[in-house]
Amino acid sequence: MKTTALILLALIAALHLYIAWFEIFAWTSRGPAVFDMLPQDLFAQTTQLAANQGVYNAFLAVGLIWAVLIRDEDWQFRIATCFLLFVAVAGMAAAVTLDIRSGLPQLLPAGVALVLFLLVRRRDRSS
């Protein structure tokens, strides 16, 4: 179960690296197709805003990667939980303020990973 949690953590980090790339480098080229509910002319006007958002997603990815690499199980749990909560909150915010389809790809995997880490922690503490 711990291996599954770590793999999911790494996949969520990869997702946030992709989101960072998308927001920093592909906002005007791919953004209009992904966010088709927004006006086309909005993307050119919000390039800097999207790039700034991309930096935050890169920070999330780095934190998640850091959690994967930590060998101390207690600290790994703490850092993973912290960054997964950040991702879950970001997913909830996107789901509420933009579109449910934008938030779920962040919220659901982060929620599942959090549950897995909590189950592993509970199992390890009871052993």
N, C-alpha and C. Protein backbone atom coordinates (compact mmCIF):
# COMPACT_ATOMS: atom_id res chain seq x y z
N MET A 1 0.82 -1.19 0.00
CA MET A 1 0.00 0.00 0.00
C MET A 1 0.87 1.26 0.00
N LYS A 2 2.01 1.21 0.69
CA LYS A 2 2.90 2.36 0.73
C LYS A 2 3.47 2.64 -0.66
N THR A 3 3.82 1.59 -1.38
CA THR A 3 4.34 1.76 -2.73
C THR A 3 3.29 2.41 -3.62
N THR A 4 2.06 1.98 -3.49
CA THR A 4 0.97 2.57 -4.27
C THR A 4 0.82 4.05 -3.94
N ALA A 5 0.89 4.39 -2.66
CA ALA A 5 0.77 5.79 -2.24
C ALA A 5 1.91 6.63 -2.82
N LEU A 6 3.13 6.08 -2.82
CA LEU A 6 4.27 6.82 -3.36
C LEU A 6 4.18 6.97 -4.88
N ILE A 7 3.70 5.94 -5.56
CA ILE A 7 3.52 6.04 -7.01
C ILE A 7 2.47 7.10 -7.33
N LEU A 8 1.37 7.09 -6.59
CA LEU A 8 0.33 8.09 -6.80
C LEU A 8 0.88 9.49 -6.51
N LEU A 9 1.68 9.62 -5.48
CA LEU A 9 2.31 10.90 -5.15
C LEU A 9 3.19 11.38 -6.31
N ALA A 10 3.96 10.47 -6.89
CA ALA A 10 4.82 10.82 -8.03
C ALA A 10 3.98 11.20 -9.25
N LEU A 11 2.87 10.50 -9.47
CA LEU A 11 1.99 10.84 -10.60
C LEU A 11 1.34 12.21 -10.42
N ILE A 12 0.97 12.52 -9.19
CA ILE A 12 0.40 13.85 -8.93
C ILE A 12 1.46 14.92 -9.15
N ALA A 13 2.70 14.64 -8.75
CA ALA A 13 3.80 15.57 -9.02
C ALA A 13 3.97 15.77 -10.53
N ALA A 14 3.91 14.69 -11.28
CA ALA A 14 4.02 14.78 -12.75
C ALA A 14 2.88 15.62 -13.33
N LEU A 15 1.68 15.42 -12.81
CA LEU A 15 0.53 16.22 -13.26
C LEU A 15 0.79 17.69 -13.02
N HIS A 16 1.34 18.03 -11.87
CA HIS A 16 1.58 19.44 -11.57
C HIS A 16 2.76 20.01 -12.36
N LEU A 17 3.71 19.17 -12.72
CA LEU A 17 4.74 19.63 -13.64
C LEU A 17 4.13 19.94 -15.01
N TYR A 18 3.20 19.08 -15.44
CA TYR A 18 2.51 19.34 -16.71
C TYR A 18 1.68 20.63 -16.63
N ILE A 19 0.95 20.80 -15.54
CA ILE A 19 0.14 22.02 -15.38
C ILE A 19 1.04 23.24 -15.39
N ALA A 20 2.19 23.16 -14.71
CA ALA A 20 3.14 24.28 -14.69
C ALA A 20 3.61 24.58 -16.11
N TRP A 21 3.99 23.55 -16.85
CA TRP A 21 4.42 23.76 -18.24
C TRP A 21 3.30 24.40 -19.06
N PHE A 22 2.11 23.88 -18.92
CA PHE A 22 0.95 24.38 -19.65
C PHE A 22 0.72 25.86 -19.37
N GLU A 23 0.74 26.24 -18.08
CA GLU A 23 0.44 27.61 -17.71
C GLU A 23 1.58 28.57 -18.05
N ILE A 24 2.81 28.08 -17.97
CA ILE A 24 3.95 28.96 -18.24
C ILE A 24 4.24 29.08 -19.73
N PHE A 25 4.17 27.97 -20.46
CA PHE A 25 4.63 27.96 -21.84
C PHE A 25 3.55 27.75 -22.90
N ALA A 26 2.41 27.20 -22.55
CA ALA A 26 1.42 26.86 -23.59
C ALA A 26 0.06 27.53 -23.35
N TRP A 27 0.03 28.56 -22.53
CA TRP A 27 -1.23 29.19 -22.17
C TRP A 27 -1.99 29.72 -23.38
N THR A 28 -1.30 30.42 -24.26
CA THR A 28 -2.01 31.01 -25.40
C THR A 28 -2.21 30.02 -26.54
N SER A 29 -1.37 28.99 -26.63
CA SER A 29 -1.53 28.04 -27.73
C SER A 29 -2.53 26.93 -27.42
N ARG A 30 -2.49 26.39 -26.21
CA ARG A 30 -3.38 25.27 -25.86
C ARG A 30 -4.51 25.66 -24.93
N GLY A 31 -4.35 26.78 -24.23
CA GLY A 31 -5.36 27.22 -23.27
C GLY A 31 -6.76 27.36 -23.82
N PRO A 32 -6.93 28.00 -24.98
CA PRO A 32 -8.29 28.17 -25.51
C PRO A 32 -9.02 26.84 -25.78
N ALA A 33 -8.29 25.81 -26.15
CA ALA A 33 -8.93 24.51 -26.39
C ALA A 33 -9.31 23.81 -25.08
N VAL A 34 -8.47 23.97 -24.07
CA VAL A 34 -8.72 23.32 -22.79
C VAL A 34 -9.82 24.04 -22.03
N PHE A 35 -9.74 25.36 -22.00
CA PHE A 35 -10.74 26.16 -21.28
C PHE A 35 -11.66 26.83 -22.28
N ASP A 36 -12.42 26.02 -22.99
CA ASP A 36 -13.29 26.52 -24.05
C ASP A 36 -14.45 27.36 -23.56
N MET A 37 -14.69 27.38 -22.24
CA MET A 37 -15.77 28.19 -21.70
C MET A 37 -15.35 29.66 -21.52
N LEU A 38 -14.05 29.93 -21.68
CA LEU A 38 -13.54 31.29 -21.53
C LEU A 38 -13.42 31.96 -22.90
N PRO A 39 -13.54 33.28 -22.96
CA PRO A 39 -13.40 33.99 -24.23
C PRO A 39 -11.98 33.84 -24.79
N GLN A 40 -11.87 33.67 -26.10
CA GLN A 40 -10.58 33.46 -26.76
C GLN A 40 -9.59 34.59 -26.51
N ASP A 41 -10.08 35.83 -26.51
CA ASP A 41 -9.17 36.97 -26.36
C ASP A 41 -8.62 37.12 -24.94
N LEU A 42 -9.16 36.37 -24.01
CA LEU A 42 -8.70 36.44 -22.62
C LEU A 42 -7.29 35.87 -22.44
N PHE A 43 -6.92 34.89 -23.25
CA PHE A 43 -5.64 34.18 -23.05
C PHE A 43 -4.43 35.07 -23.30
N ALA A 44 -4.45 35.85 -24.35
CA ALA A 44 -3.33 36.75 -24.63
C ALA A 44 -3.19 37.80 -23.52
N GLN A 45 -4.31 38.20 -22.94
CA GLN A 45 -4.29 39.23 -21.90
C GLN A 45 -3.84 38.70 -20.54
N THR A 46 -3.88 37.39 -20.37
CA THR A 46 -3.60 36.82 -19.05
C THR A 46 -2.35 35.93 -19.04
N THR A 47 -1.47 36.11 -19.99
CA THR A 47 -0.27 35.28 -20.08
C THR A 47 0.59 35.37 -18.82
N GLN A 48 0.82 36.57 -18.34
CA GLN A 48 1.65 36.74 -17.14
C GLN A 48 0.97 36.14 -15.91
N LEU A 49 -0.33 36.31 -15.82
CA LEU A 49 -1.09 35.75 -14.70
C LEU A 49 -1.00 34.22 -14.71
N ALA A 50 -1.16 33.63 -15.88
CA ALA A 50 -1.08 32.17 -15.99
C ALA A 50 0.34 31.67 -15.67
N ALA A 51 1.34 32.39 -16.14
CA ALA A 51 2.72 31.99 -15.85
C ALA A 51 2.99 32.03 -14.35
N ASN A 52 2.47 33.03 -13.67
CA ASN A 52 2.62 33.11 -12.22
C ASN A 52 1.94 31.92 -11.55
N GLN A 53 0.77 31.57 -12.02
CA GLN A 53 0.07 30.39 -11.51
C GLN A 53 0.88 29.13 -11.77
N GLY A 54 1.52 29.07 -12.92
CA GLY A 54 2.36 27.93 -13.26
C GLY A 54 3.52 27.75 -12.30
N VAL A 55 4.08 28.86 -11.84
CA VAL A 55 5.17 28.78 -10.86
C VAL A 55 4.67 28.12 -9.58
N TYR A 56 3.47 28.47 -9.15
CA TYR A 56 2.90 27.85 -7.95
C TYR A 56 2.69 26.35 -8.15
N ASN A 57 2.26 25.96 -9.33
CA ASN A 57 2.10 24.53 -9.61
C ASN A 57 3.46 23.84 -9.64
N ALA A 58 4.48 24.52 -10.11
CA ALA A 58 5.83 23.95 -10.07
C ALA A 58 6.27 23.75 -8.62
N PHE A 59 5.95 24.70 -7.74
CA PHE A 59 6.28 24.54 -6.31
C PHE A 59 5.57 23.33 -5.72
N LEU A 60 4.30 23.13 -6.10
CA LEU A 60 3.58 21.94 -5.62
C LEU A 60 4.28 20.67 -6.09
N ALA A 61 4.68 20.65 -7.35
CA ALA A 61 5.36 19.47 -7.90
C ALA A 61 6.67 19.20 -7.15
N VAL A 62 7.43 20.24 -6.90
CA VAL A 62 8.71 20.08 -6.20
C VAL A 62 8.47 19.54 -4.78
N GLY A 63 7.47 20.06 -4.10
CA GLY A 63 7.16 19.56 -2.76
C GLY A 63 6.74 18.10 -2.76
N LEU A 64 5.97 17.71 -3.75
CA LEU A 64 5.54 16.31 -3.86
C LEU A 64 6.73 15.40 -4.19
N ILE A 65 7.60 15.86 -5.07
CA ILE A 65 8.80 15.08 -5.40
C ILE A 65 9.69 14.95 -4.16
N TRP A 66 9.83 16.04 -3.43
CA TRP A 66 10.59 16.01 -2.18
C TRP A 66 10.03 14.94 -1.25
N ALA A 67 8.71 14.90 -1.12
CA ALA A 67 8.07 13.91 -0.24
C ALA A 67 8.39 12.48 -0.69
N VAL A 68 8.41 12.25 -1.98
CA VAL A 68 8.74 10.91 -2.49
C VAL A 68 10.16 10.52 -2.09
N LEU A 69 11.07 11.49 -2.09
CA LEU A 69 12.49 11.22 -1.85
C LEU A 69 12.88 11.14 -0.38
N ILE A 70 12.03 11.59 0.51
CA ILE A 70 12.36 11.57 1.94
C ILE A 70 12.36 10.13 2.44
N ARG A 71 13.39 9.75 3.16
CA ARG A 71 13.51 8.37 3.66
C ARG A 71 12.94 8.20 5.07
N ASP A 72 12.96 9.24 5.87
CA ASP A 72 12.38 9.15 7.21
C ASP A 72 10.85 9.09 7.07
N GLU A 73 10.25 7.99 7.50
CA GLU A 73 8.82 7.77 7.28
C GLU A 73 7.93 8.81 7.94
N ASP A 74 8.33 9.28 9.12
CA ASP A 74 7.54 10.28 9.81
C ASP A 74 7.53 11.60 9.03
N TRP A 75 8.71 12.03 8.61
CA TRP A 75 8.79 13.27 7.84
C TRP A 75 8.18 13.12 6.45
N GLN A 76 8.33 11.96 5.86
CA GLN A 76 7.72 11.72 4.56
C GLN A 76 6.21 11.88 4.66
N PHE A 77 5.62 11.30 5.70
CA PHE A 77 4.18 11.41 5.92
C PHE A 77 3.78 12.88 6.09
N ARG A 78 4.53 13.62 6.90
CA ARG A 78 4.20 15.02 7.16
C ARG A 78 4.27 15.88 5.89
N ILE A 79 5.35 15.73 5.15
CA ILE A 79 5.53 16.56 3.95
C ILE A 79 4.53 16.15 2.87
N ALA A 80 4.33 14.85 2.69
CA ALA A 80 3.36 14.37 1.70
C ALA A 80 1.96 14.88 2.05
N THR A 81 1.58 14.79 3.32
CA THR A 81 0.27 15.26 3.75
C THR A 81 0.11 16.75 3.50
N CYS A 82 1.12 17.52 3.84
CA CYS A 82 1.09 18.96 3.64
C CYS A 82 0.85 19.31 2.16
N PHE A 83 1.67 18.75 1.28
CA PHE A 83 1.56 19.10 -0.14
C PHE A 83 0.31 18.49 -0.78
N LEU A 84 -0.12 17.33 -0.34
CA LEU A 84 -1.37 16.78 -0.86
C LEU A 84 -2.57 17.63 -0.43
N LEU A 85 -2.53 18.17 0.77
CA LEU A 85 -3.59 19.08 1.21
C LEU A 85 -3.59 20.35 0.36
N PHE A 86 -2.39 20.86 0.04
CA PHE A 86 -2.30 22.02 -0.84
C PHE A 86 -2.96 21.72 -2.19
N VAL A 87 -2.65 20.56 -2.74
CA VAL A 87 -3.21 20.16 -4.04
C VAL A 87 -4.73 20.01 -3.94
N ALA A 88 -5.19 19.38 -2.88
CA ALA A 88 -6.64 19.17 -2.70
C ALA A 88 -7.36 20.51 -2.60
N VAL A 89 -6.81 21.44 -1.86
CA VAL A 89 -7.42 22.77 -1.74
C VAL A 89 -7.42 23.49 -3.09
N ALA A 90 -6.33 23.38 -3.83
CA ALA A 90 -6.28 23.98 -5.16
C ALA A 90 -7.34 23.36 -6.07
N GLY A 91 -7.50 22.05 -5.97
CA GLY A 91 -8.53 21.37 -6.76
C GLY A 91 -9.93 21.81 -6.37
N MET A 92 -10.18 21.95 -5.08
CA MET A 92 -11.49 22.43 -4.63
C MET A 92 -11.75 23.85 -5.12
N ALA A 93 -10.74 24.70 -5.03
CA ALA A 93 -10.89 26.08 -5.48
C ALA A 93 -11.18 26.13 -6.98
N ALA A 94 -10.48 25.33 -7.77
CA ALA A 94 -10.73 25.29 -9.21
C ALA A 94 -12.13 24.75 -9.51
N ALA A 95 -12.55 23.75 -8.78
CA ALA A 95 -13.87 23.17 -9.00
C ALA A 95 -14.98 24.17 -8.69
N VAL A 96 -14.77 24.97 -7.67
CA VAL A 96 -15.81 25.93 -7.25
C VAL A 96 -15.78 27.20 -8.09
N THR A 97 -14.58 27.70 -8.38
CA THR A 97 -14.49 29.01 -9.03
C THR A 97 -14.44 28.94 -10.56
N LEU A 98 -14.00 27.83 -11.10
CA LEU A 98 -13.86 27.74 -12.56
C LEU A 98 -14.82 26.72 -13.13
N ASP A 99 -14.54 25.46 -12.88
CA ASP A 99 -15.37 24.39 -13.44
C ASP A 99 -15.01 23.10 -12.71
N ILE A 100 -15.98 22.27 -12.47
CA ILE A 100 -15.75 21.01 -11.77
C ILE A 100 -14.71 20.16 -12.51
N ARG A 101 -14.73 20.22 -13.84
CA ARG A 101 -13.77 19.44 -14.64
C ARG A 101 -12.33 19.91 -14.43
N SER A 102 -12.15 21.15 -14.03
CA SER A 102 -10.81 21.66 -13.77
C SER A 102 -10.29 21.24 -12.41
N GLY A 103 -11.18 21.07 -11.45
CA GLY A 103 -10.76 20.74 -10.10
C GLY A 103 -10.60 19.27 -9.81
N LEU A 104 -11.43 18.44 -10.40
CA LEU A 104 -11.40 17.01 -10.09
C LEU A 104 -10.08 16.32 -10.39
N PRO A 105 -9.38 16.65 -11.49
CA PRO A 105 -8.10 15.97 -11.74
C PRO A 105 -7.04 16.24 -10.66
N GLN A 106 -7.24 17.29 -9.88
CA GLN A 106 -6.33 17.55 -8.76
C GLN A 106 -6.90 16.98 -7.47
N LEU A 107 -8.17 17.23 -7.25
CA LEU A 107 -8.81 16.88 -5.98
C LEU A 107 -8.90 15.37 -5.75
N LEU A 108 -9.35 14.63 -6.74
CA LEU A 108 -9.54 13.19 -6.54
C LEU A 108 -8.24 12.43 -6.29
N PRO A 109 -7.21 12.57 -7.12
CA PRO A 109 -5.97 11.85 -6.82
C PRO A 109 -5.34 12.26 -5.49
N ALA A 110 -5.41 13.56 -5.17
CA ALA A 110 -4.85 14.01 -3.89
C ALA A 110 -5.62 13.40 -2.73
N GLY A 111 -6.95 13.32 -2.85
CA GLY A 111 -7.76 12.72 -1.80
C GLY A 111 -7.45 11.24 -1.62
N VAL A 112 -7.32 10.53 -2.73
CA VAL A 112 -7.00 9.10 -2.66
C VAL A 112 -5.61 8.90 -2.04
N ALA A 113 -4.64 9.70 -2.47
CA ALA A 113 -3.28 9.58 -1.92
C ALA A 113 -3.28 9.90 -0.42
N LEU A 114 -4.03 10.90 -0.01
CA LEU A 114 -4.11 11.22 1.42
C LEU A 114 -4.67 10.05 2.21
N VAL A 115 -5.73 9.45 1.71
CA VAL A 115 -6.32 8.30 2.39
C VAL A 115 -5.31 7.16 2.47
N LEU A 116 -4.60 6.89 1.38
CA LEU A 116 -3.59 5.83 1.39
C LEU A 116 -2.49 6.10 2.41
N PHE A 117 -1.99 7.34 2.43
CA PHE A 117 -0.95 7.66 3.40
C PHE A 117 -1.46 7.54 4.83
N LEU A 118 -2.70 7.95 5.08
CA LEU A 118 -3.27 7.82 6.42
C LEU A 118 -3.43 6.35 6.81
N LEU A 119 -3.85 5.51 5.87
CA LEU A 119 -3.99 4.09 6.16
C LEU A 119 -2.64 3.44 6.45
N VAL A 120 -1.63 3.81 5.67
CA VAL A 120 -0.28 3.29 5.90
C VAL A 120 0.21 3.73 7.28
N ARG A 121 0.01 4.98 7.59
CA ARG A 121 0.44 5.53 8.89
C ARG A 121 -0.26 4.80 10.04
N ARG A 122 -1.56 4.59 9.88
CA ARG A 122 -2.33 3.89 10.92
C ARG A 122 -1.85 2.46 11.10
N ARG A 123 -1.61 1.78 9.97
CA ARG A 123 -1.11 0.40 10.02
C ARG A 123 0.26 0.33 10.68
N ASP A 124 1.14 1.25 10.32
CA ASP A 124 2.49 1.27 10.89
C ASP A 124 2.47 1.59 12.39
N ARG A 125 1.56 2.44 12.78
CA ARG A 125 1.48 2.80 14.21
C ARG A 125 0.91 1.66 15.06
N SER A 126 0.05 0.85 14.46
CA SER A 126 -0.56 -0.25 15.22
C SER A 126 0.33 -1.49 15.26
N SER A 127 1.37 -1.51 14.43
CA SER A 127 2.27 -2.68 14.40
C SER A 127 3.26 -2.65 15.53
